[in-house]
PDB file of N, CA and C in Angstrom:
ATOM      1  N   MET A   1     -24.286 -17.325 -13.362  1.00  0.00           N
ATOM      2  CA  MET A   1     -22.917 -17.182 -13.846  1.00  0.00           C
ATOM      3  C   MET A   1     -22.028 -18.290 -13.281  1.00  0.00           C
ATOM      4  N   HIS A   2     -21.149 -18.724 -14.057  1.00  0.00           N
ATOM      5  CA  HIS A   2     -20.221 -19.793 -13.708  1.00  0.00           C
ATOM      6  C   HIS A   2     -18.972 -19.217 -13.047  1.00  0.00           C
ATOM      7  N   ARG A   3     -18.501 -19.837 -11.982  1.00  0.00           N
ATOM      8  CA  ARG A   3     -17.357 -19.332 -11.211  1.00  0.00           C
ATOM      9  C   ARG A   3     -16.039 -19.370 -11.973  1.00  0.00           C
ATOM     10  N   LEU A   4     -15.996 -20.035 -13.109  1.00  0.00           N
ATOM     11  CA  LEU A   4     -14.776 -20.065 -13.912  1.00  0.00           C
ATOM     12  C   LEU A   4     -14.806 -19.051 -15.044  1.00  0.00           C
ATOM     13  N   GLU A   5     -15.835 -18.227 -15.079  1.00  0.00           N
ATOM     14  CA  GLU A   5     -15.962 -17.193 -16.113  1.00  0.00           C
ATOM     15  C   GLU A   5     -15.808 -15.814 -15.488  1.00  0.00           C
ATOM     16  N   ALA A   6     -15.063 -14.950 -16.136  1.00  0.00           N
ATOM     17  CA  ALA A   6     -14.755 -13.620 -15.616  1.00  0.00           C
ATOM     18  C   ALA A   6     -16.009 -12.783 -15.365  1.00  0.00           C
ATOM     19  N   GLU A   7     -17.046 -12.999 -16.155  1.00  0.00           N
ATOM     20  CA  GLU A   7     -18.270 -12.210 -16.022  1.00  0.00           C
ATOM     21  C   GLU A   7     -18.909 -12.358 -14.642  1.00  0.00           C
ATOM     22  N   ALA A   8     -18.668 -13.471 -13.982  1.00  0.00           N
ATOM     23  CA  ALA A   8     -19.243 -13.712 -12.662  1.00  0.00           C
ATOM     24  C   ALA A   8     -18.687 -12.752 -11.615  1.00  0.00           C
ATOM     25  N   PHE A   9     -17.597 -12.072 -11.931  1.00  0.00           N
ATOM     26  CA  PHE A   9     -16.922 -11.204 -10.970  1.00  0.00           C
ATOM     27  C   PHE A   9     -16.950  -9.733 -11.385  1.00  0.00           C
ATOM     28  N   ALA A  10     -17.750  -9.417 -12.372  1.00  0.00           N
ATOM     29  CA  ALA A  10     -17.772  -8.068 -12.949  1.00  0.00           C
ATOM     30  C   ALA A  10     -18.115  -6.979 -11.932  1.00  0.00           C
ATOM     31  N   ASP A  11     -18.932  -7.288 -10.941  1.00  0.00           N
ATOM     32  CA  ASP A  11     -19.362  -6.275  -9.976  1.00  0.00           C
ATOM     33  C   ASP A  11     -18.551  -6.277  -8.681  1.00  0.00           C
ATOM     34  N   ASP A  12     -17.464  -7.020  -8.654  1.00  0.00           N
ATOM     35  CA  ASP A  12     -16.638  -7.111  -7.446  1.00  0.00           C
ATOM     36  C   ASP A  12     -15.922  -5.803  -7.137  1.00  0.00           C
ATOM     37  N   VAL A  13     -15.618  -5.622  -5.871  1.00  0.00           N
ATOM     38  CA  VAL A  13     -14.658  -4.603  -5.460  1.00  0.00           C
ATOM     39  C   VAL A  13     -13.339  -5.004  -6.097  1.00  0.00           C
ATOM     40  N   GLU A  14     -12.496  -4.029  -6.423  1.00  0.00           N
ATOM     41  CA  GLU A  14     -11.280  -4.345  -7.159  1.00  0.00           C
ATOM     42  C   GLU A  14     -10.020  -4.180  -6.329  1.00  0.00           C
ATOM     43  N   VAL A  15      -9.007  -4.926  -6.731  1.00  0.00           N
ATOM     44  CA  VAL A  15      -7.646  -4.777  -6.218  1.00  0.00           C
ATOM     45  C   VAL A  15      -6.859  -4.091  -7.319  1.00  0.00           C
ATOM     46  N   SER A  16      -6.060  -3.110  -6.936  1.00  0.00           N
ATOM     47  CA  SER A  16      -5.285  -2.341  -7.899  1.00  0.00           C
ATOM     48  C   SER A  16      -3.834  -2.807  -7.907  1.00  0.00           C
ATOM     49  N   LEU A  17      -3.297  -3.021  -9.104  1.00  0.00           N
ATOM     50  CA  LEU A  17      -1.875  -3.285  -9.299  1.00  0.00           C
ATOM     51  C   LEU A  17      -1.345  -2.159 -10.162  1.00  0.00           C
ATOM     52  N   GLN A  18      -0.290  -1.492  -9.697  1.00  0.00           N
ATOM     53  CA  GLN A  18       0.190  -0.319 -10.418  1.00  0.00           C
ATOM     54  C   GLN A  18       1.710  -0.280 -10.439  1.00  0.00           C
ATOM     55  N   CYS A  19       2.233   0.084 -11.605  1.00  0.00           N
ATOM     56  CA  CYS A  19       3.654   0.361 -11.785  1.00  0.00           C
ATOM     57  C   CYS A  19       3.741   1.576 -12.691  1.00  0.00           C
ATOM     58  N   GLY A  20       4.078   2.716 -12.114  1.00  0.00           N
ATOM     59  CA  GLY A  20       4.113   3.946 -12.901  1.00  0.00           C
ATOM     60  C   GLY A  20       2.745   4.226 -13.488  1.00  0.00           C
ATOM     61  N   ALA A  21       2.707   4.439 -14.811  1.00  0.00           N
ATOM     62  CA  ALA A  21       1.451   4.752 -15.487  1.00  0.00           C
ATOM     63  C   ALA A  21       0.619   3.504 -15.788  1.00  0.00           C
ATOM     64  N   LEU A  22       1.222   2.330 -15.715  1.00  0.00           N
ATOM     65  CA  LEU A  22       0.485   1.089 -15.972  1.00  0.00           C
ATOM     66  C   LEU A  22      -0.320   0.693 -14.746  1.00  0.00           C
ATOM     67  N   GLU A  23      -1.557   0.315 -14.986  1.00  0.00           N
ATOM     68  CA  GLU A  23      -2.406  -0.086 -13.873  1.00  0.00           C
ATOM     69  C   GLU A  23      -3.390  -1.158 -14.329  1.00  0.00           C
ATOM     70  N   ALA A  24      -3.660  -2.089 -13.436  1.00  0.00           N
ATOM     71  CA  ALA A  24      -4.704  -3.097 -13.664  1.00  0.00           C
ATOM     72  C   ALA A  24      -5.610  -3.109 -12.453  1.00  0.00           C
ATOM     73  N   GLN A  25      -6.897  -3.152 -12.711  1.00  0.00           N
ATOM     74  CA  GLN A  25      -7.910  -3.286 -11.667  1.00  0.00           C
ATOM     75  C   GLN A  25      -8.519  -4.674 -11.839  1.00  0.00           C
ATOM     76  N   VAL A  26      -8.361  -5.513 -10.830  1.00  0.00           N
ATOM     77  CA  VAL A  26      -8.826  -6.896 -10.942  1.00  0.00           C
ATOM     78  C   VAL A  26      -9.821  -7.195  -9.824  1.00  0.00           C
ATOM     79  N   PRO A  27     -10.777  -8.084 -10.071  1.00  0.00           N
ATOM     80  CA  PRO A  27     -11.777  -8.413  -9.058  1.00  0.00           C
ATOM     81  C   PRO A  27     -11.142  -8.990  -7.788  1.00  0.00           C
ATOM     82  N   GLU A  28     -11.606  -8.498  -6.656  1.00  0.00           N
ATOM     83  CA  GLU A  28     -11.046  -8.922  -5.377  1.00  0.00           C
ATOM     84  C   GLU A  28     -11.170 -10.422  -5.140  1.00  0.00           C
ATOM     85  N   ARG A  29     -12.327 -10.994  -5.450  1.00  0.00           N
ATOM     86  CA  ARG A  29     -12.498 -12.436  -5.196  1.00  0.00           C
ATOM     87  C   ARG A  29     -11.545 -13.269  -6.050  1.00  0.00           C
ATOM     88  N   LEU A  30     -11.280 -12.827  -7.270  1.00  0.00           N
ATOM     89  CA  LEU A  30     -10.320 -13.551  -8.106  1.00  0.00           C
ATOM     90  C   LEU A  30      -8.899 -13.369  -7.598  1.00  0.00           C
ATOM     91  N   PHE A  31      -8.568 -12.164  -7.149  1.00  0.00           N
ATOM     92  CA  PHE A  31      -7.230 -11.938  -6.601  1.00  0.00           C
ATOM     93  C   PHE A  31      -7.042 -12.782  -5.343  1.00  0.00           C
ATOM     94  N   ARG A  32      -8.080 -12.879  -4.540  1.00  0.00           N
ATOM     95  CA  ARG A  32      -8.012 -13.714  -3.348  1.00  0.00           C
ATOM     96  C   ARG A  32      -7.818 -15.187  -3.749  1.00  0.00           C
ATOM     97  N   ARG A  33      -8.486 -15.629  -4.810  1.00  0.00           N
ATOM     98  CA  ARG A  33      -8.296 -16.997  -5.319  1.00  0.00           C
ATOM     99  C   ARG A  33      -6.830 -17.221  -5.684  1.00  0.00           C
ATOM    100  N   LEU A  34      -6.239 -16.224  -6.334  1.00  0.00           N
ATOM    101  CA  LEU A  34      -4.829 -16.290  -6.715  1.00  0.00           C
ATOM    102  C   LEU A  34      -3.928 -16.401  -5.481  1.00  0.00           C
ATOM    103  N   VAL A  35      -4.196 -15.580  -4.479  1.00  0.00           N
ATOM    104  CA  VAL A  35      -3.414 -15.610  -3.236  1.00  0.00           C
ATOM    105  C   VAL A  35      -3.570 -16.966  -2.536  1.00  0.00           C
ATOM    106  N   LEU A  36      -4.785 -17.493  -2.510  1.00  0.00           N
ATOM    107  CA  LEU A  36      -5.017 -18.785  -1.861  1.00  0.00           C
ATOM    108  C   LEU A  36      -4.313 -19.922  -2.600  1.00  0.00           C
ATOM    109  N   LEU A  37      -4.277 -19.862  -3.913  1.00  0.00           N
ATOM    110  CA  LEU A  37      -3.498 -20.856  -4.666  1.00  0.00           C
ATOM    111  C   LEU A  37      -2.013 -20.730  -4.316  1.00  0.00           C
ATOM    112  N   GLY A  38      -1.544 -19.501  -4.167  1.00  0.00           N
ATOM    113  CA  GLY A  38      -0.165 -19.289  -3.758  1.00  0.00           C
ATOM    114  C   GLY A  38       0.124 -19.917  -2.412  1.00  0.00           C
ATOM    115  N   ARG A  39      -0.797 -19.751  -1.487  1.00  0.00           N
ATOM    116  CA  ARG A  39      -0.631 -20.357  -0.155  1.00  0.00           C
ATOM    117  C   ARG A  39      -0.675 -21.877  -0.252  1.00  0.00           C
ATOM    118  N   ALA A  40      -1.600 -22.412  -1.038  1.00  0.00           N
ATOM    119  CA  ALA A  40      -1.752 -23.862  -1.149  1.00  0.00           C
ATOM    120  C   ALA A  40      -0.498 -24.518  -1.735  1.00  0.00           C
ATOM    121  N   TYR A  41       0.149 -23.835  -2.671  1.00  0.00           N
ATOM    122  CA  TYR A  41       1.346 -24.384  -3.314  1.00  0.00           C
ATOM    123  C   TYR A  41       2.638 -23.811  -2.732  1.00  0.00           C
ATOM    124  N   GLU A  42       2.490 -23.116  -1.602  1.00  0.00           N
ATOM    125  CA  GLU A  42       3.628 -22.541  -0.890  1.00  0.00           C
ATOM    126  C   GLU A  42       4.493 -21.665  -1.792  1.00  0.00           C
ATOM    127  N   LEU A  43       3.822 -20.822  -2.582  1.00  0.00           N
ATOM    128  CA  LEU A  43       4.512 -19.843  -3.421  1.00  0.00           C
ATOM    129  C   LEU A  43       4.754 -18.610  -2.562  1.00  0.00           C
ATOM    130  N   HIS A  44       6.004 -18.300  -2.352  1.00  0.00           N
ATOM    131  CA  HIS A  44       6.381 -17.296  -1.358  1.00  0.00           C
ATOM    132  C   HIS A  44       5.720 -15.940  -1.595  1.00  0.00           C
ATOM    133  N   ARG A  45       5.902 -15.365  -2.751  1.00  0.00           N
ATOM    134  CA  ARG A  45       5.442 -13.994  -2.986  1.00  0.00           C
ATOM    135  C   ARG A  45       3.918 -13.917  -2.973  1.00  0.00           C
ATOM    136  N   LEU A  46       3.245 -14.792  -3.707  1.00  0.00           N
ATOM    137  CA  LEU A  46       1.779 -14.755  -3.769  1.00  0.00           C
ATOM    138  C   LEU A  46       1.153 -14.920  -2.395  1.00  0.00           C
ATOM    139  N   SER A  47       1.700 -15.799  -1.590  1.00  0.00           N
ATOM    140  CA  SER A  47       1.086 -16.061  -0.282  1.00  0.00           C
ATOM    141  C   SER A  47       1.184 -14.861   0.649  1.00  0.00           C
ATOM    142  N   LEU A  48       2.053 -13.897   0.330  1.00  0.00           N
ATOM    143  CA  LEU A  48       2.199 -12.703   1.168  1.00  0.00           C
ATOM    144  C   LEU A  48       1.301 -11.547   0.738  1.00  0.00           C
ATOM    145  N   LEU A  49       0.556 -11.707  -0.317  1.00  0.00           N
ATOM    146  CA  LEU A  49      -0.222 -10.600  -0.881  1.00  0.00           C
ATOM    147  C   LEU A  49      -1.653 -10.554  -0.363  1.00  0.00           C
ATOM    148  N   GLN A  50      -1.849 -10.857   0.894  1.00  0.00           N
ATOM    149  CA  GLN A  50      -3.179 -10.824   1.490  1.00  0.00           C
ATOM    150  C   GLN A  50      -3.570  -9.423   1.935  1.00  0.00           C
ATOM    151  N   GLU A  51      -2.668  -8.478   1.791  1.00  0.00           N
ATOM    152  CA  GLU A  51      -2.930  -7.080   2.159  1.00  0.00           C
ATOM    153  C   GLU A  51      -2.127  -6.189   1.223  1.00  0.00           C
ATOM    154  N   ASP A  52      -2.282  -4.877   1.366  1.00  0.00           N
ATOM    155  CA  ASP A  52      -1.555  -3.939   0.519  1.00  0.00           C
ATOM    156  C   ASP A  52      -0.060  -4.239   0.569  1.00  0.00           C
ATOM    157  N   ALA A  53       0.614  -4.033  -0.568  1.00  0.00           N
ATOM    158  CA  ALA A  53       2.048  -4.331  -0.633  1.00  0.00           C
ATOM    159  C   ALA A  53       2.719  -3.442  -1.668  1.00  0.00           C
ATOM    160  N   VAL A  54       4.019  -3.225  -1.465  1.00  0.00           N
ATOM    161  CA  VAL A  54       4.867  -2.553  -2.438  1.00  0.00           C
ATOM    162  C   VAL A  54       6.049  -3.480  -2.682  1.00  0.00           C
ATOM    163  N   LEU A  55       6.226  -3.896  -3.944  1.00  0.00           N
ATOM    164  CA  LEU A  55       7.291  -4.830  -4.299  1.00  0.00           C
ATOM    165  C   LEU A  55       8.343  -4.125  -5.146  1.00  0.00           C
ATOM    166  N   ASP A  56       9.614  -4.444  -4.891  1.00  0.00           N
ATOM    167  CA  ASP A  56      10.684  -3.919  -5.738  1.00  0.00           C
ATOM    168  C   ASP A  56      10.801  -4.802  -6.985  1.00  0.00           C
ATOM    169  N   SER A  57      11.748  -4.493  -7.852  1.00  0.00           N
ATOM    170  CA  SER A  57      11.845  -5.208  -9.128  1.00  0.00           C
ATOM    171  C   SER A  57      12.189  -6.690  -8.947  1.00  0.00           C
ATOM    172  N   VAL A  58      13.024  -7.021  -7.978  1.00  0.00           N
ATOM    173  CA  VAL A  58      13.381  -8.427  -7.732  1.00  0.00           C
ATOM    174  C   VAL A  58      12.159  -9.200  -7.230  1.00  0.00           C
ATOM    175  N   GLN A  59      11.413  -8.595  -6.333  1.00  0.00           N
ATOM    176  CA  GLN A  59      10.198  -9.230  -5.825  1.00  0.00           C
ATOM    177  C   GLN A  59       9.150  -9.353  -6.926  1.00  0.00           C
ATOM    178  N   ALA A  60       9.073  -8.345  -7.788  1.00  0.00           N
ATOM    179  CA  ALA A  60       8.118  -8.401  -8.905  1.00  0.00           C
ATOM    180  C   ALA A  60       8.489  -9.527  -9.868  1.00  0.00           C
ATOM    181  N   GLN A  61       9.780  -9.760 -10.083  1.00  0.00           N
ATOM    182  CA  GLN A  61      10.207 -10.869 -10.945  1.00  0.00           C
ATOM    183  C   GLN A  61       9.807 -12.203 -10.336  1.00  0.00           C
ATOM    184  N   SER A  62       9.971 -12.332  -9.037  1.00  0.00           N
ATOM    185  CA  SER A  62       9.558 -13.547  -8.337  1.00  0.00           C
ATOM    186  C   SER A  62       8.049 -13.752  -8.489  1.00  0.00           C
ATOM    187  N   LEU A  63       7.284 -12.675  -8.336  1.00  0.00           N
ATOM    188  CA  LEU A  63       5.831 -12.750  -8.505  1.00  0.00           C
ATOM    189  C   LEU A  63       5.480 -13.141  -9.930  1.00  0.00           C
ATOM    190  N   SER A  64       6.182 -12.607 -10.898  1.00  0.00           N
ATOM    191  CA  SER A  64       5.947 -12.949 -12.303  1.00  0.00           C
ATOM    192  C   SER A  64       6.132 -14.447 -12.540  1.00  0.00           C
ATOM    193  N   ASP A  65       7.180 -15.009 -11.964  1.00  0.00           N
ATOM    194  CA  ASP A  65       7.421 -16.452 -12.093  1.00  0.00           C
ATOM    195  C   ASP A  65       6.272 -17.246 -11.472  1.00  0.00           C
ATOM    196  N   GLU A  66       5.792 -16.799 -10.332  1.00  0.00           N
ATOM    197  CA  GLU A  66       4.695 -17.491  -9.659  1.00  0.00           C
ATOM    198  C   GLU A  66       3.394 -17.378 -10.454  1.00  0.00           C
ATOM    199  N   LEU A  67       3.158 -16.234 -11.077  1.00  0.00           N
ATOM    200  CA  LEU A  67       1.960 -16.084 -11.913  1.00  0.00           C
ATOM    201  C   LEU A  67       2.000 -17.057 -13.089  1.00  0.00           C
ATOM    202  N   GLU A  68       3.172 -17.240 -13.661  1.00  0.00           N
ATOM    203  CA  GLU A  68       3.310 -18.197 -14.769  1.00  0.00           C
ATOM    204  C   GLU A  68       3.034 -19.618 -14.296  1.00  0.00           C
ATOM    205  N   PHE A  69       3.507 -19.967 -13.108  1.00  0.00           N
ATOM    206  CA  PHE A  69       3.233 -21.282 -12.534  1.00  0.00           C
ATOM    207  C   PHE A  69       1.723 -21.490 -12.384  1.00  0.00           C
ATOM    208  N   VAL A  70       1.035 -20.496 -11.842  1.00  0.00           N
ATOM    209  CA  VAL A  70      -0.415 -20.603 -11.651  1.00  0.00           C
ATOM    210  C   VAL A  70      -1.122 -20.706 -12.994  1.00  0.00           C
ATOM    211  N   ARG A  71      -0.666 -19.941 -13.973  1.00  0.00           N
ATOM    212  CA  ARG A  71      -1.277 -19.986 -15.312  1.00  0.00           C
ATOM    213  C   ARG A  71      -1.223 -21.418 -15.866  1.00  0.00           C
ATOM    214  N   GLU A  72      -0.098 -22.082 -15.691  1.00  0.00           N
ATOM    215  CA  GLU A  72       0.054 -23.458 -16.179  1.00  0.00           C
ATOM    216  C   GLU A  72      -0.720 -24.454 -15.317  1.00  0.00           C
ATOM    217  N   LEU A  73      -0.884 -24.145 -14.052  1.00  0.00           N
ATOM    218  CA  LEU A  73      -1.538 -25.033 -13.101  1.00  0.00           C
ATOM    219  C   LEU A  73      -3.036 -25.162 -13.360  1.00  0.00           C
ATOM    220  N   VAL A  74      -3.702 -24.063 -13.675  1.00  0.00           N
ATOM    221  CA  VAL A  74      -5.161 -24.070 -13.813  1.00  0.00           C
ATOM    222  C   VAL A  74      -5.596 -23.513 -15.174  1.00  0.00           C
ATOM    223  N   PRO A  75      -5.284 -24.233 -16.238  1.00  0.00           N
ATOM    224  CA  PRO A  75      -5.590 -23.714 -17.578  1.00  0.00           C
ATOM    225  C   PRO A  75      -7.076 -23.612 -17.893  1.00  0.00           C
ATOM    226  N   THR A  76      -7.930 -24.292 -17.150  1.00  0.00           N
ATOM    227  CA  THR A  76      -9.368 -24.252 -17.457  1.00  0.00           C
ATOM    228  C   THR A  76     -10.120 -23.195 -16.654  1.00  0.00           C
ATOM    229  N   ASP A  77      -9.415 -22.481 -15.784  1.00  0.00           N
ATOM    230  CA  ASP A  77     -10.051 -21.412 -14.998  1.00  0.00           C
ATOM    231  C   ASP A  77      -9.960 -20.120 -15.814  1.00  0.00           C
ATOM    232  N   HIS A  78     -10.983 -19.888 -16.630  1.00  0.00           N
ATOM    233  CA  HIS A  78     -10.964 -18.742 -17.542  1.00  0.00           C
ATOM    234  C   HIS A  78     -11.022 -17.409 -16.799  1.00  0.00           C
ATOM    235  N   ALA A  79     -11.684 -17.384 -15.674  1.00  0.00           N
ATOM    236  CA  ALA A  79     -11.738 -16.150 -14.882  1.00  0.00           C
ATOM    237  C   ALA A  79     -10.353 -15.802 -14.366  1.00  0.00           C
ATOM    238  N   LEU A  80      -9.641 -16.773 -13.852  1.00  0.00           N
ATOM    239  CA  LEU A  80      -8.288 -16.535 -13.364  1.00  0.00           C
ATOM    240  C   LEU A  80      -7.357 -16.177 -14.520  1.00  0.00           C
ATOM    241  N   ALA A  81      -7.556 -16.784 -15.670  1.00  0.00           N
ATOM    242  CA  ALA A  81      -6.751 -16.455 -16.849  1.00  0.00           C
ATOM    243  C   ALA A  81      -6.949 -14.994 -17.247  1.00  0.00           C
ATOM    244  N   THR A  82      -8.163 -14.498 -17.112  1.00  0.00           N
ATOM    245  CA  THR A  82      -8.440 -13.095 -17.415  1.00  0.00           C
ATOM    246  C   THR A  82      -7.699 -12.186 -16.445  1.00  0.00           C
ATOM    247  N   LEU A  83      -7.741 -12.529 -15.156  1.00  0.00           N
ATOM    248  CA  LEU A  83      -6.993 -11.753 -14.157  1.00  0.00           C
ATOM    249  C   LEU A  83      -5.504 -11.755 -14.488  1.00  0.00           C
ATOM    250  N   LEU A  84      -4.961 -12.921 -14.802  1.00  0.00           N
ATOM    251  CA  LEU A  84      -3.530 -13.026 -15.104  1.00  0.00           C
ATOM    252  C   LEU A  84      -3.166 -12.202 -16.339  1.00  0.00           C
ATOM    253  N   ALA A  85      -4.032 -12.191 -17.335  1.00  0.00           N
ATOM    254  CA  ALA A  85      -3.775 -11.401 -18.538  1.00  0.00           C
ATOM    255  C   ALA A  85      -3.746  -9.905 -18.230  1.00  0.00           C
ATOM    256  N   GLN A  86      -4.550  -9.475 -17.268  1.00  0.00           N
ATOM    257  CA  GLN A  86      -4.570  -8.063 -16.881  1.00  0.00           C
ATOM    258  C   GLN A  86      -3.380  -7.710 -16.004  1.00  0.00           C
ATOM    259  N   ALA A  87      -3.039  -8.578 -15.066  1.00  0.00           N
ATOM    260  CA  ALA A  87      -2.011  -8.269 -14.065  1.00  0.00           C
ATOM    261  C   ALA A  87      -0.590  -8.460 -14.573  1.00  0.00           C
ATOM    262  N   THR A  88      -0.361  -9.440 -15.419  1.00  0.00           N
ATOM    263  CA  THR A  88       0.999  -9.790 -15.835  1.00  0.00           C
ATOM    264  C   THR A  88       1.768  -8.636 -16.468  1.00  0.00           C
ATOM    265  N   PRO A  89       1.193  -7.851 -17.376  1.00  0.00           N
ATOM    266  CA  PRO A  89       1.971  -6.749 -17.954  1.00  0.00           C
ATOM    267  C   PRO A  89       2.447  -5.739 -16.911  1.00  0.00           C
ATOM    268  N   VAL A  90       1.635  -5.491 -15.901  1.00  0.00           N
ATOM    269  CA  VAL A  90       2.014  -4.543 -14.842  1.00  0.00           C
ATOM    270  C   VAL A  90       3.148  -5.132 -14.004  1.00  0.00           C
ATOM    271  N   VAL A  91       3.034  -6.400 -13.661  1.00  0.00           N
ATOM    272  CA  VAL A  91       4.068  -7.075 -12.868  1.00  0.00           C
ATOM    273  C   VAL A  91       5.372  -7.125 -13.655  1.00  0.00           C
ATOM    274  N   LEU A  92       5.294  -7.454 -14.937  1.00  0.00           N
ATOM    275  CA  LEU A  92       6.502  -7.509 -15.766  1.00  0.00           C
ATOM    276  C   LEU A  92       7.168  -6.143 -15.880  1.00  0.00           C
ATOM    277  N   ALA A  93       6.377  -5.094 -16.007  1.00  0.00           N
ATOM    278  CA  ALA A  93       6.944  -3.740 -16.087  1.00  0.00           C
ATOM    279  C   ALA A  93       7.745  -3.421 -14.831  1.00  0.00           C
ATOM    280  N   ALA A  94       7.216  -3.792 -13.691  1.00  0.00           N
ATOM    281  CA  ALA A  94       7.916  -3.543 -12.425  1.00  0.00           C
ATOM    282  C   ALA A  94       9.173  -4.396 -12.315  1.00  0.00           C
ATOM    283  N   SER A  95       9.144  -5.595 -12.871  1.00  0.00           N
ATOM    284  CA  SER A  95      10.291  -6.499 -12.764  1.00  0.00           C
ATOM    285  C   SER A  95      11.448  -6.072 -13.657  1.00  0.00           C
ATOM    286  N   ARG A  96      11.169  -5.288 -14.682  1.00  0.00           N
ATOM    287  CA  ARG A  96      12.187  -4.916 -15.667  1.00  0.00           C
ATOM    288  C   ARG A  96      12.902  -3.608 -15.360  1.00  0.00           C
ATOM    289  N   ASP A  97      12.434  -2.898 -14.358  1.00  0.00           N
ATOM    290  CA  ASP A  97      13.013  -1.587 -14.043  1.00  0.00           C
ATOM    291  C   ASP A  97      13.346  -1.530 -12.560  1.00  0.00           C
ATOM    292  N   ALA A  98      14.636  -1.533 -12.256  1.00  0.00           N
ATOM    293  CA  ALA A  98      15.092  -1.545 -10.858  1.00  0.00           C
ATOM    294  C   ALA A  98      14.622  -0.322 -10.079  1.00  0.00           C
ATOM    295  N   LYS A  99      14.246   0.745 -10.772  1.00  0.00           N
ATOM    296  CA  LYS A  99      13.796   1.968 -10.101  1.00  0.00           C
ATOM    297  C   LYS A  99      12.290   1.980  -9.860  1.00  0.00           C
ATOM    298  N   SER A 100      11.598   0.995 -10.401  1.00  0.00           N
ATOM    299  CA  SER A 100      10.139   0.950 -10.278  1.00  0.00           C
ATOM    300  C   SER A 100       9.707   0.110  -9.095  1.00  0.00           C
ATOM    301  N   SER A 101       8.473   0.331  -8.709  1.00  0.00           N
ATOM    302  CA  SER A 101       7.833  -0.472  -7.667  1.00  0.00           C
ATOM    303  C   SER A 101       6.503  -0.963  -8.209  1.00  0.00           C
ATOM    304  N   LEU A 102       6.096  -2.113  -7.719  1.00  0.00           N
ATOM    305  CA  LEU A 102       4.774  -2.625  -7.988  1.00  0.00           C
ATOM    306  C   LEU A 102       3.947  -2.370  -6.750  1.00  0.00           C
ATOM    307  N   VAL A 103       2.885  -1.589  -6.894  1.00  0.00           N
ATOM    308  CA  VAL A 103       2.027  -1.240  -5.762  1.00  0.00           C
ATOM    309  C   VAL A 103       0.728  -2.037  -5.895  1.00  0.00           C
ATOM    310  N   ILE A 104       0.409  -2.780  -4.847  1.00  0.00           N
ATOM    311  CA  ILE A 104      -0.818  -3.583  -4.825  1.00  0.00           C
ATOM    312  C   ILE A 104      -1.688  -3.050  -3.694  1.00  0.00           C
ATOM    313  N   GLU A 105      -2.894  -2.631  -4.035  1.00  0.00           N
ATOM    314  CA  GLU A 105      -3.802  -2.042  -3.035  1.00  0.00           C
ATOM    315  C   GLU A 105      -5.151  -2.733  -3.077  1.00  0.00           C
ATOM    316  N   TRP A 106      -5.543  -3.271  -1.926  1.00  0.00           N
ATOM    317  CA  TRP A 106      -6.882  -3.810  -1.747  1.00  0.00           C
ATOM    318  C   TRP A 106      -7.804  -2.641  -1.441  1.00  0.00           C
ATOM    319  N   GLN A 107      -8.998  -2.648  -2.000  1.00  0.00           N
ATOM    320  CA  GLN A 107      -9.938  -1.544  -1.770  1.00  0.00           C
ATOM    321  C   GLN A 107     -10.713  -1.720  -0.498  1.00  0.00           C
TER     322      GLN A 107
END
């Protein structure tokens, strides 16, 4: 399996992103790749997600902006694109509702 294809991570332990009833389960190694890219590019919110976190709507909006930056940065990383497609709707839901939280849990 190729490291740029989502199938290579199918059996990974998952990281959970949840906002209310919306939830995404994403492969841990891919989420770690995302966090490391955040650290490499000094993206504030992403670089802090190395452990469980609860983000308010303002923080979720900041994370949403950073996810878009990463999406544009690595367009040929299909595995990461799959993670972003799963996670973005949950992050956006949290960013649009001041009463919501985005809960991120490492397994």
